[in-house]
Amino acid sequence: MKNLTLLFVLLFSLISIGALAQKKSNNHKIIFQFTNANDTLQQKAFANQLKNITTHWPNAKYEVVIYNMGLEFLMPTKSKHIAAIKALHAKGVRFVVCENSMKSRKITKDQFIPEAEYVPAGIAEIVEKQEQGWSYIRGGF
């Protein structure tokens, strides 16, 4: 009887630890900065990074803040990775564009893919997400 009780306690402990580990992995919130999409190698590397991480943690929250020279990443006339971006968006990745960068570069919303969202200030968006507990990653290499 002692052995059966010990086995039950051990089994219950292992199940509890596994459940806690799984719950923790589902709470990831990651904000990416992408600012250098003029380089197609950077675009490709970043699209692959996003694909890999969303495969590893499919239930995490992801947001990509794009500003400065990164705007081309979401422009169908300048990006070779629109299909990958659309697939990532379908998996729940949000792509937000800095309106300050748009104004300074004289780029309008109609130049972006429909999946793009907009924020007034990209850097402020990153800061606010970090203050809310999001992890920050600079995309590309």
Protein backbone atom coordinates (compact mmCIF):
# COMPACT_ATOMS: atom_id res chain seq x y z
CA MET A 1 0.00 0.00 0.00
CA LYS A 2 2.88 2.36 0.80
CA ASN A 3 4.38 1.73 -2.62
CA LEU A 4 1.07 2.42 -4.33
CA THR A 5 0.67 5.71 -2.42
CA LEU A 6 4.23 6.72 -3.26
CA LEU A 7 3.68 5.87 -6.93
CA PHE A 8 0.47 7.93 -6.96
CA VAL A 9 2.19 10.96 -5.41
CA LEU A 10 5.09 10.71 -7.85
CA LEU A 11 2.77 10.40 -10.85
CA PHE A 12 0.64 13.34 -9.67
CA SER A 13 3.79 15.46 -9.19
CA LEU A 14 5.05 14.70 -12.69
CA ILE A 15 1.69 15.56 -14.25
CA SER A 16 1.54 18.83 -12.30
CA ILE A 17 5.06 19.83 -13.32
CA GLY A 18 4.28 19.05 -16.96
CA ALA A 19 1.09 21.10 -16.85
CA LEU A 20 2.90 24.07 -15.31
CA ALA A 21 5.68 23.90 -17.89
CA GLN A 22 3.16 23.79 -20.72
CA LYS A 23 1.16 26.69 -19.26
CA LYS A 24 4.30 28.80 -18.93
CA SER A 25 5.29 28.18 -22.57
CA ASN A 26 1.90 29.43 -23.74
CA ASN A 27 2.34 32.81 -22.04
CA HIS A 28 5.11 34.16 -24.24
CA LYS A 29 4.58 37.63 -25.67
CA ILE A 30 7.28 38.76 -28.06
CA ILE A 31 7.67 42.10 -29.80
CA PHE A 32 10.08 42.36 -32.70
CA GLN A 33 11.67 45.46 -34.14
CA PHE A 34 12.44 45.41 -37.85
CA THR A 35 14.06 48.47 -39.39
CA ASN A 36 16.28 47.33 -42.24
CA ALA A 37 14.19 45.73 -44.98
CA ASN A 38 16.08 47.40 -47.82
CA ASP A 39 18.39 44.40 -47.61
CA THR A 40 16.67 41.31 -49.08
CA LEU A 41 18.97 39.02 -47.07
CA GLN A 42 17.71 40.74 -43.89
CA GLN A 43 14.12 40.23 -45.05
CA LYS A 44 14.72 36.53 -45.71
CA ALA A 45 16.53 35.99 -42.40
CA PHE A 46 13.78 37.76 -40.47
CA ALA A 47 10.97 35.85 -42.20
CA ASN A 48 12.79 32.61 -41.31
CA GLN A 49 13.26 33.72 -37.69
CA LEU A 50 9.54 34.40 -37.40
CA LYS A 51 8.64 31.09 -39.03
CA ASN A 52 10.94 29.19 -36.65
CA ILE A 53 9.73 30.86 -33.46
CA THR A 54 6.03 30.57 -34.36
CA THR A 55 6.57 26.88 -35.04
CA HIS A 56 8.34 26.45 -31.70
CA TRP A 57 5.73 28.42 -29.71
CA PRO A 58 2.53 28.34 -31.78
CA ASN A 59 0.38 29.78 -28.99
CA ALA A 60 2.54 32.76 -28.10
CA LYS A 61 1.62 36.35 -29.00
CA TYR A 62 3.78 38.03 -31.63
CA GLU A 63 3.95 41.60 -32.86
CA VAL A 64 6.40 43.00 -35.39
CA VAL A 65 6.94 46.76 -35.27
CA ILE A 66 8.29 48.06 -38.55
CA TYR A 67 9.75 51.52 -38.95
CA ASN A 68 12.48 53.54 -40.64
CA MET A 69 13.99 51.58 -43.55
CA GLY A 70 11.97 48.48 -42.63
CA LEU A 71 8.79 49.68 -44.32
CA GLU A 72 9.64 47.91 -47.57
CA PHE A 73 9.18 44.55 -45.86
CA LEU A 74 5.39 44.99 -46.07
CA MET A 75 5.28 46.61 -49.49
CA PRO A 76 4.31 44.19 -52.27
CA THR A 77 6.27 46.17 -54.85
CA LYS A 78 9.51 45.93 -52.83
CA SER A 79 9.38 42.72 -50.78
CA LYS A 80 10.01 39.19 -51.99
CA HIS A 81 8.51 37.71 -48.83
CA ILE A 82 4.86 38.71 -48.99
CA ALA A 83 3.68 35.07 -49.11
CA ALA A 84 5.68 34.28 -45.94
CA ILE A 85 4.33 37.41 -44.22
CA LYS A 86 0.75 36.46 -45.09
CA ALA A 87 1.32 32.93 -43.76
CA LEU A 88 2.73 34.35 -40.52
CA HIS A 89 -0.19 36.75 -40.22
CA ALA A 90 -2.55 33.79 -40.63
CA LYS A 91 -0.77 32.21 -37.63
CA GLY A 92 -1.53 35.32 -35.54
CA VAL A 93 1.57 37.47 -36.04
CA ARG A 94 0.66 41.16 -36.07
CA PHE A 95 2.65 43.45 -38.35
CA VAL A 96 2.42 47.12 -37.33
CA VAL A 97 3.88 50.05 -39.24
CA CYS A 98 5.08 53.29 -37.69
CA GLU A 99 3.07 56.24 -38.99
CA ASN A 100 5.92 58.64 -38.12
CA SER A 101 8.19 56.75 -40.52
CA MET A 102 5.47 56.77 -43.15
CA LYS A 103 5.11 60.54 -42.88
CA SER A 104 8.83 61.23 -43.01
CA ARG A 105 9.26 58.94 -46.03
CA LYS A 106 6.04 60.12 -47.70
CA ILE A 107 4.60 56.61 -47.90
CA THR A 108 0.85 56.00 -47.71
CA LYS A 109 -1.17 53.09 -46.35
CA ASP A 110 -2.26 51.99 -49.80
CA GLN A 111 1.35 50.99 -50.53
CA PHE A 112 1.26 48.22 -47.88
CA ILE A 113 -0.31 44.79 -47.84
CA PRO A 114 -3.81 44.64 -46.31
CA GLU A 115 -2.50 42.67 -43.31
CA ALA A 116 -0.50 45.69 -42.10
CA GLU A 117 -1.72 47.57 -39.04
CA TYR A 118 -0.57 51.02 -37.95
CA VAL A 119 0.68 52.72 -34.80
CA PRO A 120 1.49 56.43 -34.37
CA ALA A 121 5.07 55.83 -33.15
CA GLY A 122 6.94 52.54 -33.57
CA ILE A 123 9.46 53.08 -30.78
CA ALA A 124 6.69 54.07 -28.37
CA GLU A 125 4.82 50.87 -29.29
CA ILE A 126 7.89 48.79 -28.40
CA VAL A 127 8.38 50.62 -25.10
CA GLU A 128 4.73 50.19 -24.12
CA LYS A 129 4.79 46.47 -24.91
CA GLN A 130 7.96 46.02 -22.85
CA GLU A 131 6.30 47.83 -19.96
CA GLN A 132 3.47 45.29 -20.27
CA GLY A 133 5.92 42.40 -19.95
CA TRP A 134 6.59 41.60 -23.60
CA SER A 135 10.05 40.31 -24.56
CA TYR A 136 11.94 42.45 -27.08
CA ILE A 137 13.84 41.03 -30.06
CA ARG A 138 15.59 42.94 -32.84
CA GLY A 139 14.76 41.07 -36.05
CA GLY A 140 17.26 40.24 -38.75
CA PHE A 141 20.97 39.90 -38.23
